[in-house]
Amino acid sequence: MSSAPATAGGGTDHGRRVIVAWIVLSVITTPLVVIFLGPILPPGHASQQASEQVLDNTVITAIVTPVICLLAVFFGYALMKFRKAKGGAIVDGPPLRNHNTVQMSWIVLTSVTVLFLAAFGTYELLQNGSGGGQGPNPIAVPSGPKLQVQVIAQQWEFTYRYPSYGGLETSQLVLPADTDVEIHVTSLDAIHSFWAYQLGVKADANPGNDNIAFVHTKGPNTFSVRCAELCGLWHGYMFSTGRVMPATQFAAWVKQQQHTFAAVHKYMPNYATTYYPDPQRRAG
């Protein structure tokens, strides 16, 4: 008895046809995805970290594209070649077991893909800091001077302090263009999450914690700020628009804010990386 399973209409040619069609489709589709879809992937290009995240998303999408192509080719080929003939009997196909080439190819291909993504993601994280909070002792710290800004979350708004400008606190996040910014995120009550979408910054805001993120702003722009952690009844209210402006306009804005809030500034606590409000307030 022959050990080779019986195949219908072409034997092992089916596998070759699927592979050839898959390679051709992948070679055509993947560059198109990178060229046309890559530049419009989120979160945009308002900061260096956001641009790096667009690059990361483009790489992942380029890797996923051949997988989608394989599924499409296999499904389409199966529909055309192995569909039941009209009036024909329904029969099972020949069983296939222990195909060493397929098994080894699958193990090698998936292992190489996962290891590449792990190495690529680690490199991207470490080279210029990260827009994601790294806790109070970040391992990836950009070199050079940085503007410190503190994000204070509370039910249900964000406020922002600028320690290098006397602890000035404002209700809108404004940053100078082309500047390295060190963002310290904390909370006064519940757990929140600071998400500056177009800047590519997202960091948890926990009471008693100083969660640090880094961002290098680009040219003048606006960006959305929202809370990304369900924090209570008015969670959806925690939304505002931040601005990136030229350095000269930022300096003028700081002076205006200092003048506006001069009357209440003396009642504010000294700048600190974390704050511990009254327990009754933390309980809501």
C-alpha atoms as a PDB file:
ATOM      1  CA  MET A   1       0.000   0.000   0.000  1.00  0.00           C
ATOM      2  CA  SER A   2       1.379   3.443  -0.889  1.00  0.00           C
ATOM      3  CA  SER A   3       2.069   5.759   2.064  1.00  0.00           C
ATOM      4  CA  ALA A   4       1.381   8.889  -0.009  1.00  0.00           C
ATOM      5  CA  PRO A   5      -2.175  10.219   0.392  1.00  0.00           C
ATOM      6  CA  ALA A   6      -4.337  10.435  -2.680  1.00  0.00           C
ATOM      7  CA  THR A   7      -4.887  13.953  -3.971  1.00  0.00           C
ATOM      8  CA  ALA A   8      -7.320  15.265  -6.500  1.00  0.00           C
ATOM      9  CA  GLY A   9      -6.699  17.381  -9.560  1.00  0.00           C
ATOM     10  CA  GLY A  10      -3.035  18.262  -9.477  1.00  0.00           C
ATOM     11  CA  GLY A  11      -1.442  16.501  -6.485  1.00  0.00           C
ATOM     12  CA  THR A  12       1.210  18.622  -4.787  1.00  0.00           C
ATOM     13  CA  ASP A  13       0.798  21.388  -7.434  1.00  0.00           C
ATOM     14  CA  HIS A  14      -1.860  22.944  -5.219  1.00  0.00           C
ATOM     15  CA  GLY A  15       0.702  23.853  -2.573  1.00  0.00           C
ATOM     16  CA  ARG A  16       3.103  25.300  -5.134  1.00  0.00           C
ATOM     17  CA  ARG A  17       0.367  27.360  -6.745  1.00  0.00           C
ATOM     18  CA  VAL A  18      -0.742  28.792  -3.401  1.00  0.00           C
ATOM     19  CA  ILE A  19       2.842  29.685  -2.435  1.00  0.00           C
ATOM     20  CA  VAL A  20       3.610  31.327  -5.786  1.00  0.00           C
ATOM     21  CA  ALA A  21       0.368  33.326  -5.742  1.00  0.00           C
ATOM     22  CA  TRP A  22       1.018  34.332  -2.115  1.00  0.00           C
ATOM     23  CA  ILE A  23       4.567  35.554  -2.849  1.00  0.00           C
ATOM     24  CA  VAL A  24       3.465  37.544  -5.892  1.00  0.00           C
ATOM     25  CA  LEU A  25       0.565  39.171  -4.035  1.00  0.00           C
ATOM     26  CA  SER A  26       2.756  39.945  -0.995  1.00  0.00           C
ATOM     27  CA  VAL A  27       5.513  41.505  -3.133  1.00  0.00           C
ATOM     28  CA  ILE A  28       2.948  43.773  -4.786  1.00  0.00           C
ATOM     29  CA  THR A  29       0.807  44.602  -1.748  1.00  0.00           C
ATOM     30  CA  THR A  30       3.385  45.150   1.011  1.00  0.00           C
ATOM     31  CA  PRO A  31       5.192  48.116  -0.641  1.00  0.00           C
ATOM     32  CA  LEU A  32       1.844  49.715  -1.450  1.00  0.00           C
ATOM     33  CA  VAL A  33       0.779  49.416   2.196  1.00  0.00           C
ATOM     34  CA  VAL A  34       4.056  50.941   3.410  1.00  0.00           C
ATOM     35  CA  ILE A  35       4.004  53.795   0.885  1.00  0.00           C
ATOM     36  CA  PHE A  36       0.352  54.812   1.013  1.00  0.00           C
ATOM     37  CA  LEU A  37      -1.019  53.561   4.350  1.00  0.00           C
ATOM     38  CA  GLY A  38       2.084  53.987   6.530  1.00  0.00           C
ATOM     39  CA  PRO A  39       2.218  57.823   6.534  1.00  0.00           C
ATOM     40  CA  ILE A  40      -1.400  58.159   7.702  1.00  0.00           C
ATOM     41  CA  LEU A  41      -1.234  55.632  10.536  1.00  0.00           C
ATOM     42  CA  PRO A  42      -1.802  56.999  14.080  1.00  0.00           C
ATOM     43  CA  PRO A  43      -0.860  58.849  16.178  1.00  0.00           C
ATOM     44  CA  GLY A  44       0.623  61.398  13.735  1.00  0.00           C
ATOM     45  CA  HIS A  45       3.804  63.456  13.680  1.00  0.00           C
ATOM     46  CA  ALA A  46       3.393  66.168  16.323  1.00  0.00           C
ATOM     47  CA  SER A  47       6.443  64.860  18.213  1.00  0.00           C
ATOM     48  CA  GLN A  48       9.467  62.687  17.656  1.00  0.00           C
ATOM     49  CA  GLN A  49       7.944  59.926  19.794  1.00  0.00           C
ATOM     50  CA  ALA A  50       4.707  60.057  17.782  1.00  0.00           C
ATOM     51  CA  SER A  51       6.655  59.734  14.520  1.00  0.00           C
ATOM     52  CA  GLU A  52       8.511  56.739  15.937  1.00  0.00           C
ATOM     53  CA  GLN A  53       5.192  55.147  16.851  1.00  0.00           C
ATOM     54  CA  VAL A  54       4.002  55.702  13.271  1.00  0.00           C
ATOM     55  CA  LEU A  55       7.167  53.918  12.122  1.00  0.00           C
ATOM     56  CA  ASP A  56       6.479  51.066  14.563  1.00  0.00           C
ATOM     57  CA  ASN A  57       2.905  50.743  13.322  1.00  0.00           C
ATOM     58  CA  THR A  58       4.114  50.795   9.721  1.00  0.00           C
ATOM     59  CA  VAL A  59       6.607  47.989  10.381  1.00  0.00           C
ATOM     60  CA  ILE A  60       3.974  45.879  12.144  1.00  0.00           C
ATOM     61  CA  THR A  61       1.469  46.508   9.349  1.00  0.00           C
ATOM     62  CA  ALA A  62       4.083  45.552   6.741  1.00  0.00           C
ATOM     63  CA  ILE A  63       4.716  42.276   8.594  1.00  0.00           C
ATOM     64  CA  VAL A  64       1.007  41.535   8.929  1.00  0.00           C
ATOM     65  CA  THR A  65       0.299  42.219   5.235  1.00  0.00           C
ATOM     66  CA  PRO A  66       1.857  38.950   3.916  1.00  0.00           C
ATOM     67  CA  VAL A  67      -0.070  37.015   6.561  1.00  0.00           C
ATOM     68  CA  ILE A  68      -3.324  38.553   5.351  1.00  0.00           C
ATOM     69  CA  CYS A  69      -2.286  37.851   1.760  1.00  0.00           C
ATOM     70  CA  LEU A  70      -1.668  34.179   2.599  1.00  0.00           C
ATOM     71  CA  LEU A  71      -5.100  33.846   4.182  1.00  0.00           C
ATOM     72  CA  ALA A  72      -6.763  35.546   1.215  1.00  0.00           C
ATOM     73  CA  VAL A  73      -4.924  33.418  -1.362  1.00  0.00           C
ATOM     74  CA  PHE A  74      -5.518  30.156   0.505  1.00  0.00           C
ATOM     75  CA  PHE A  75      -9.200  30.911   1.048  1.00  0.00           C
ATOM     76  CA  GLY A  76      -9.764  32.034  -2.547  1.00  0.00           C
ATOM     77  CA  TYR A  77      -7.874  29.063  -3.998  1.00  0.00           C
ATOM     78  CA  ALA A  78      -9.804  26.623  -1.815  1.00  0.00           C
ATOM     79  CA  LEU A  79     -13.120  28.140  -2.912  1.00  0.00           C
ATOM     80  CA  MET A  80     -12.197  27.792  -6.576  1.00  0.00           C
ATOM     81  CA  LYS A  81     -10.445  24.408  -6.604  1.00  0.00           C
ATOM     82  CA  PHE A  82     -12.099  22.385  -3.857  1.00  0.00           C
ATOM     83  CA  ARG A  83     -15.712  23.493  -3.893  1.00  0.00           C
ATOM     84  CA  LYS A  84     -18.270  20.727  -4.196  1.00  0.00           C
ATOM     85  CA  ALA A  85     -19.463  20.127  -7.705  1.00  0.00           C
ATOM     86  CA  LYS A  86     -23.169  20.679  -8.307  1.00  0.00           C
ATOM     87  CA  GLY A  87     -24.958  17.444  -7.480  1.00  0.00           C
ATOM     88  CA  GLY A  88     -21.734  15.813  -6.312  1.00  0.00           C
ATOM     89  CA  ALA A  89     -21.245  13.880  -3.094  1.00  0.00           C
ATOM     90  CA  ILE A  90     -19.780  15.476   0.007  1.00  0.00           C
ATOM     91  CA  VAL A  91     -16.501  13.715   0.819  1.00  0.00           C
ATOM     92  CA  ASP A  92     -13.626  14.408   3.190  1.00  0.00           C
ATOM     93  CA  GLY A  93     -10.263  15.324   1.763  1.00  0.00           C
ATOM     94  CA  PRO A  94      -7.194  13.125   2.335  1.00  0.00           C
ATOM     95  CA  PRO A  95      -5.672  13.438   5.829  1.00  0.00           C
ATOM     96  CA  LEU A  96      -2.246  15.125   6.039  1.00  0.00           C
ATOM     97  CA  ARG A  97      -0.032  14.471   9.059  1.00  0.00           C
ATOM     98  CA  ASN A  98       3.564  15.147  10.117  1.00  0.00           C
ATOM     99  CA  HIS A  99       4.677  17.289   7.208  1.00  0.00           C
ATOM    100  CA  ASN A 100       8.189  18.131   8.416  1.00  0.00           C
ATOM    101  CA  THR A 101       8.812  20.916   5.904  1.00  0.00           C
ATOM    102  CA  VAL A 102       5.633  22.767   6.803  1.00  0.00           C
ATOM    103  CA  GLN A 103       6.190  22.320  10.541  1.00  0.00           C
ATOM    104  CA  MET A 104       9.801  23.501  10.489  1.00  0.00           C
ATOM    105  CA  SER A 105       9.006  26.411   8.176  1.00  0.00           C
ATOM    106  CA  TRP A 106       6.211  27.533  10.514  1.00  0.00           C
ATOM    107  CA  ILE A 107       8.419  27.332  13.620  1.00  0.00           C
ATOM    108  CA  VAL A 108      11.338  29.173  12.011  1.00  0.00           C
ATOM    109  CA  LEU A 109       9.224  31.881  10.387  1.00  0.00           C
ATOM    110  CA  THR A 110       7.167  32.696  13.468  1.00  0.00           C
ATOM    111  CA  SER A 111      10.207  32.601  15.779  1.00  0.00           C
ATOM    112  CA  VAL A 112      12.209  34.954  13.561  1.00  0.00           C
ATOM    113  CA  THR A 113       9.236  37.332  13.321  1.00  0.00           C
ATOM    114  CA  VAL A 114       8.662  37.478  17.085  1.00  0.00           C
ATOM    115  CA  LEU A 115      12.382  37.909  17.873  1.00  0.00           C
ATOM    116  CA  PHE A 116      12.720  40.662  15.273  1.00  0.00           C
ATOM    117  CA  LEU A 117       9.741  42.556  16.689  1.00  0.00           C
ATOM    118  CA  ALA A 118      11.106  42.204  20.236  1.00  0.00           C
ATOM    119  CA  ALA A 119      14.528  43.538  19.204  1.00  0.00           C
ATOM    120  CA  PHE A 120      13.061  46.323  17.075  1.00  0.00           C
ATOM    121  CA  GLY A 121      10.643  47.409  19.810  1.00  0.00           C
ATOM    122  CA  THR A 122      13.397  47.441  22.444  1.00  0.00           C
ATOM    123  CA  TYR A 123      15.652  49.543  20.222  1.00  0.00           C
ATOM    124  CA  GLU A 124      12.866  52.024  19.541  1.00  0.00           C
ATOM    125  CA  LEU A 125      12.101  52.286  23.254  1.00  0.00           C
ATOM    126  CA  LEU A 126      15.677  52.907  24.342  1.00  0.00           C
ATOM    127  CA  GLN A 127      17.067  55.204  21.668  1.00  0.00           C
ATOM    128  CA  ASN A 128      15.256  58.448  22.518  1.00  0.00           C
ATOM    129  CA  GLY A 129      13.189  57.791  25.594  1.00  0.00           C
ATOM    130  CA  SER A 130       9.542  56.934  25.449  1.00  0.00           C
ATOM    131  CA  GLY A 131       6.209  58.682  25.407  1.00  0.00           C
ATOM    132  CA  GLY A 132       4.900  55.941  27.709  1.00  0.00           C
ATOM    133  CA  GLY A 133       5.334  56.369  31.442  1.00  0.00           C
ATOM    134  CA  GLN A 134       8.382  54.533  32.780  1.00  0.00           C
ATOM    135  CA  GLY A 135       7.796  55.053  36.489  1.00  0.00           C
ATOM    136  CA  PRO A 136       9.884  57.291  38.756  1.00  0.00           C
ATOM    137  CA  ASN A 137      13.222  55.813  37.579  1.00  0.00           C
ATOM    138  CA  PRO A 138      13.097  55.525  33.767  1.00  0.00           C
ATOM    139  CA  ILE A 139      15.708  53.366  32.073  1.00  0.00           C
ATOM    140  CA  ALA A 140      15.620  55.307  28.780  1.00  0.00           C
ATOM    141  CA  VAL A 141      16.484  58.965  29.426  1.00  0.00           C
ATOM    142  CA  PRO A 142      17.209  61.327  26.522  1.00  0.00           C
ATOM    143  CA  SER A 143      20.405  63.329  26.816  1.00  0.00           C
ATOM    144  CA  GLY A 144      20.505  67.110  27.091  1.00  0.00           C
ATOM    145  CA  PRO A 145      18.435  69.688  28.975  1.00  0.00           C
ATOM    146  CA  LYS A 146      14.698  69.148  29.250  1.00  0.00           C
ATOM    147  CA  LEU A 147      11.722  71.298  30.179  1.00  0.00           C
ATOM    148  CA  GLN A 148       9.951  69.747  33.159  1.00  0.00           C
ATOM    149  CA  VAL A 149       6.158  69.760  33.189  1.00  0.00           C
ATOM    150  CA  GLN A 150       3.984  68.103  35.806  1.00  0.00           C
ATOM    151  CA  VAL A 151       0.603  66.647  34.893  1.00  0.00           C
ATOM    152  CA  ILE A 152      -1.748  66.513  37.887  1.00  0.00           C
ATOM    153  CA  ALA A 153      -4.874  64.409  37.391  1.00  0.00           C
ATOM    154  CA  GLN A 154      -7.931  64.711  39.591  1.00  0.00           C
ATOM    155  CA  GLN A 155     -11.659  64.146  39.344  1.00  0.00           C
ATOM    156  CA  TRP A 156     -12.304  65.398  36.743  1.00  0.00           C
ATOM    157  CA  GLU A 157      -9.657  67.520  35.086  1.00  0.00           C
ATOM    158  CA  PHE A 158      -5.945  67.785  34.386  1.00  0.00           C
ATOM    159  CA  THR A 159      -3.849  70.703  35.591  1.00  0.00           C
ATOM    160  CA  TYR A 160      -0.220  71.394  34.724  1.00  0.00           C
ATOM    161  CA  ARG A 161       2.679  72.811  36.738  1.00  0.00           C
ATOM    162  CA  TYR A 162       5.919  74.256  35.411  1.00  0.00           C
ATOM    163  CA  PRO A 163       8.587  73.991  38.146  1.00  0.00           C
ATOM    164  CA  SER A 164      11.142  75.983  36.162  1.00  0.00           C
ATOM    165  CA  TYR A 165       8.695  78.918  36.152  1.00  0.00           C
ATOM    166  CA  GLY A 166       8.125  79.101  39.894  1.00  0.00           C
ATOM    167  CA  GLY A 167       5.664  76.230  40.080  1.00  0.00           C
ATOM    168  CA  LEU A 168       3.169  77.987  37.807  1.00  0.00           C
ATOM    169  CA  GLU A 169      -0.024  75.912  37.471  1.00  0.00           C
ATOM    170  CA  THR A 170      -2.425  76.234  34.533  1.00  0.00           C
ATOM    171  CA  SER A 171      -5.469  74.438  33.186  1.00  0.00           C
ATOM    172  CA  GLN A 172      -4.068  74.035  29.653  1.00  0.00           C
ATOM    173  CA  LEU A 173      -0.945  72.158  28.571  1.00  0.00           C
ATOM    174  CA  VAL A 174       1.211  74.429  26.425  1.00  0.00           C
ATOM    175  CA  LEU A 175       4.687  73.414  25.247  1.00  0.00           C
ATOM    176  CA  PRO A 176       7.420  75.139  23.254  1.00  0.00           C
ATOM    177  CA  ALA A 177       8.237  73.757  19.796  1.00  0.00           C
ATOM    178  CA  ASP A 178      11.401  71.742  19.086  1.00  0.00           C
ATOM    179  CA  THR A 179      12.003  71.080  22.781  1.00  0.00           C
ATOM    180  CA  ASP A 180      12.750  68.022  24.898  1.00  0.00           C
ATOM    181  CA  VAL A 181      10.076  67.785  27.582  1.00  0.00           C
ATOM    182  CA  GLU A 182      10.147  65.642  30.722  1.00  0.00           C
ATOM    183  CA  ILE A 183       6.582  64.975  31.835  1.00  0.00           C
ATOM    184  CA  HIS A 184       5.872  63.963  35.453  1.00  0.00           C
ATOM    185  CA  VAL A 185       2.418  62.417  35.803  1.00  0.00           C
ATOM    186  CA  THR A 186       0.651  61.984  39.136  1.00  0.00           C
ATOM    187  CA  SER A 187      -2.851  62.023  40.638  1.00  0.00           C
ATOM    188  CA  LEU A 188      -4.625  63.627  43.570  1.00  0.00           C
ATOM    189  CA  ASP A 189      -7.346  61.029  44.034  1.00  0.00           C
ATOM    190  CA  ALA A 190      -8.339  58.100  41.803  1.00  0.00           C
ATOM    191  CA  ILE A 191      -6.289  56.308  39.154  1.00  0.00           C
ATOM    192  CA  HIS A 192      -6.285  58.229  35.875  1.00  0.00           C
ATOM    193  CA  SER A 193      -4.339  57.937  32.620  1.00  0.00           C
ATOM    194  CA  PHE A 194      -2.853  60.949  30.841  1.00  0.00           C
ATOM    195  CA  TRP A 195      -3.119  60.542  27.060  1.00  0.00           C
ATOM    196  CA  ALA A 196      -1.819  63.282  24.744  1.00  0.00           C
ATOM    197  CA  TYR A 197      -2.772  61.517  21.540  1.00  0.00           C
ATOM    198  CA  GLN A 198      -0.960  63.390  18.759  1.00  0.00           C
ATOM    199  CA  LEU A 199       2.174  63.687  20.922  1.00  0.00           C
ATOM    200  CA  GLY A 200       2.333  59.904  21.333  1.00  0.00           C
ATOM    201  CA  VAL A 201       2.327  60.236  25.135  1.00  0.00           C
ATOM    202  CA  LYS A 202       0.334  57.963  27.415  1.00  0.00           C
ATOM    203  CA  ALA A 203       1.154  57.492  31.099  1.00  0.00           C
ATOM    204  CA  ASP A 204      -0.825  56.259  34.104  1.00  0.00           C
ATOM    205  CA  ALA A 205      -1.583  58.828  36.799  1.00  0.00           C
ATOM    206  CA  ASN A 206      -1.562  57.114  40.202  1.00  0.00           C
ATOM    207  CA  PRO A 207      -1.833  58.871  43.573  1.00  0.00           C
ATOM    208  CA  GLY A 208       1.509  59.005  45.341  1.00  0.00           C
ATOM    209  CA  ASN A 209       3.401  58.041  42.162  1.00  0.00           C
ATOM    210  CA  ASP A 210       5.668  60.061  39.892  1.00  0.00           C
ATOM    211  CA  ASN A 211       5.348  58.487  36.439  1.00  0.00           C
ATOM    212  CA  ILE A 212       7.827  59.972  33.947  1.00  0.00           C
ATOM    213  CA  ALA A 213       7.477  60.190  30.171  1.00  0.00           C
ATOM    214  CA  PHE A 214       9.567  62.005  27.575  1.00  0.00           C
ATOM    215  CA  VAL A 215       8.579  63.797  24.408  1.00  0.00           C
ATOM    216  CA  HIS A 216      10.403  65.936  21.856  1.00  0.00           C
ATOM    217  CA  THR A 217       7.956  68.398  20.340  1.00  0.00           C
ATOM    218  CA  LYS A 218       8.061  69.402  16.688  1.00  0.00           C
ATOM    219  CA  GLY A 219       6.570  72.470  15.034  1.00  0.00           C
ATOM    220  CA  PRO A 220       3.522  74.454  16.198  1.00  0.00           C
ATOM    221  CA  ASN A 221       0.489  72.223  16.491  1.00  0.00           C
ATOM    222  CA  THR A 222      -2.482  71.286  18.626  1.00  0.00           C
ATOM    223  CA  PHE A 223      -3.110  67.958  20.327  1.00  0.00           C
ATOM    224  CA  SER A 224      -5.908  66.242  22.204  1.00  0.00           C
ATOM    225  CA  VAL A 225      -5.622  65.417  25.903  1.00  0.00           C
ATOM    226  CA  ARG A 226      -7.983  62.955  27.533  1.00  0.00           C
ATOM    227  CA  CYS A 227      -8.128  60.512  30.419  1.00  0.00           C
ATOM    228  CA  ALA A 228      -7.744  56.916  29.218  1.00  0.00           C
ATOM    229  CA  GLU A 229      -8.677  55.229  32.514  1.00  0.00           C
ATOM    230  CA  LEU A 230     -12.257  54.991  33.774  1.00  0.00           C
ATOM    231  CA  CYS A 231     -12.032  57.232  36.835  1.00  0.00           C
ATOM    232  CA  GLY A 232     -15.583  57.971  37.891  1.00  0.00           C
ATOM    233  CA  LEU A 233     -18.875  59.516  36.842  1.00  0.00           C
ATOM    234  CA  TRP A 234     -17.451  62.408  34.776  1.00  0.00           C
ATOM    235  CA  HIS A 235     -14.559  60.475  33.232  1.00  0.00           C
ATOM    236  CA  GLY A 236     -15.614  61.557  29.734  1.00  0.00           C
ATOM    237  CA  TYR A 237     -15.405  65.199  30.834  1.00  0.00           C
ATOM    238  CA  MET A 238     -11.613  64.988  31.179  1.00  0.00           C
ATOM    239  CA  PHE A 239     -10.892  66.281  27.701  1.00  0.00           C
ATOM    240  CA  SER A 240      -8.948  69.344  26.586  1.00  0.00           C
ATOM    241  CA  THR A 241      -6.779  70.647  23.770  1.00  0.00           C
ATOM    242  CA  GLY A 242      -3.089  71.344  24.255  1.00  0.00           C
ATOM    243  CA  ARG A 243      -0.826  73.511  22.126  1.00  0.00           C
ATOM    244  CA  VAL A 244       2.721  73.505  20.841  1.00  0.00           C
ATOM    245  CA  MET A 245       3.899  77.018  19.991  1.00  0.00           C
ATOM    246  CA  PRO A 246       7.165  78.730  19.007  1.00  0.00           C
ATOM    247  CA  ALA A 247       9.548  79.461  21.868  1.00  0.00           C
ATOM    248  CA  THR A 248       8.966  83.228  21.797  1.00  0.00           C
ATOM    249  CA  GLN A 249       5.183  82.802  21.975  1.00  0.00           C
ATOM    250  CA  PHE A 250       5.594  80.252  24.756  1.00  0.00           C
ATOM    251  CA  ALA A 251       7.664  82.746  26.805  1.00  0.00           C
ATOM    252  CA  ALA A 252       4.963  85.384  26.323  1.00  0.00           C
ATOM    253  CA  TRP A 253       2.276  82.863  27.311  1.00  0.00           C
ATOM    254  CA  VAL A 254       4.145  82.001  30.522  1.00  0.00           C
ATOM    255  CA  LYS A 255       4.330  85.684  31.511  1.00  0.00           C
ATOM    256  CA  GLN A 256       0.612  86.088  30.837  1.00  0.00           C
ATOM    257  CA  GLN A 257      -0.234  83.030  32.971  1.00  0.00           C
ATOM    258  CA  GLN A 258       1.998  84.242  35.800  1.00  0.00           C
ATOM    259  CA  HIS A 259       0.184  87.555  35.797  1.00  0.00           C
ATOM    260  CA  THR A 260      -3.269  85.922  35.607  1.00  0.00           C
ATOM    261  CA  PHE A 261      -2.669  83.501  38.496  1.00  0.00           C
ATOM    262  CA  ALA A 262      -0.506  85.775  40.662  1.00  0.00           C
ATOM    263  CA  ALA A 263      -3.344  86.340  43.160  1.00  0.00           C
ATOM    264  CA  VAL A 264      -3.805  82.621  43.918  1.00  0.00           C
ATOM    265  CA  HIS A 265      -0.234  81.428  43.435  1.00  0.00           C
ATOM    266  CA  LYS A 266       0.717  82.189  47.056  1.00  0.00           C
ATOM    267  CA  TYR A 267      -1.929  79.730  48.292  1.00  0.00           C
ATOM    268  CA  MET A 268      -0.607  76.837  46.260  1.00  0.00           C
ATOM    269  CA  PRO A 269       1.634  74.160  47.809  1.00  0.00           C
ATOM    270  CA  ASN A 270       5.283  74.106  46.879  1.00  0.00           C
ATOM    271  CA  TYR A 271       6.161  72.057  43.846  1.00  0.00           C
ATOM    272  CA  ALA A 272       6.632  68.357  44.584  1.00  0.00           C
ATOM    273  CA  THR A 273       6.725  65.235  42.449  1.00  0.00           C
ATOM    274  CA  THR A 274       3.689  63.838  44.317  1.00  0.00           C
ATOM    275  CA  TYR A 275       0.926  65.260  46.489  1.00  0.00           C
ATOM    276  CA  TYR A 276      -1.165  63.687  49.231  1.00  0.00           C
ATOM    277  CA  PRO A 277      -4.530  65.443  49.583  1.00  0.00           C
ATOM    278  CA  ASP A 278      -6.990  65.068  52.401  1.00  0.00           C
ATOM    279  CA  PRO A 279      -8.257  61.449  52.636  1.00  0.00           C
ATOM    280  CA  GLN A 280     -11.862  62.611  52.439  1.00  0.00           C
ATOM    281  CA  ARG A 281     -11.157  64.265  49.097  1.00  0.00           C
ATOM    282  CA  ARG A 282      -9.443  61.133  47.805  1.00  0.00           C
ATOM    283  CA  ALA A 283     -12.574  59.195  48.735  1.00  0.00           C
ATOM    284  CA  GLY A 284     -14.667  61.500  46.541  1.00  0.00           C
END
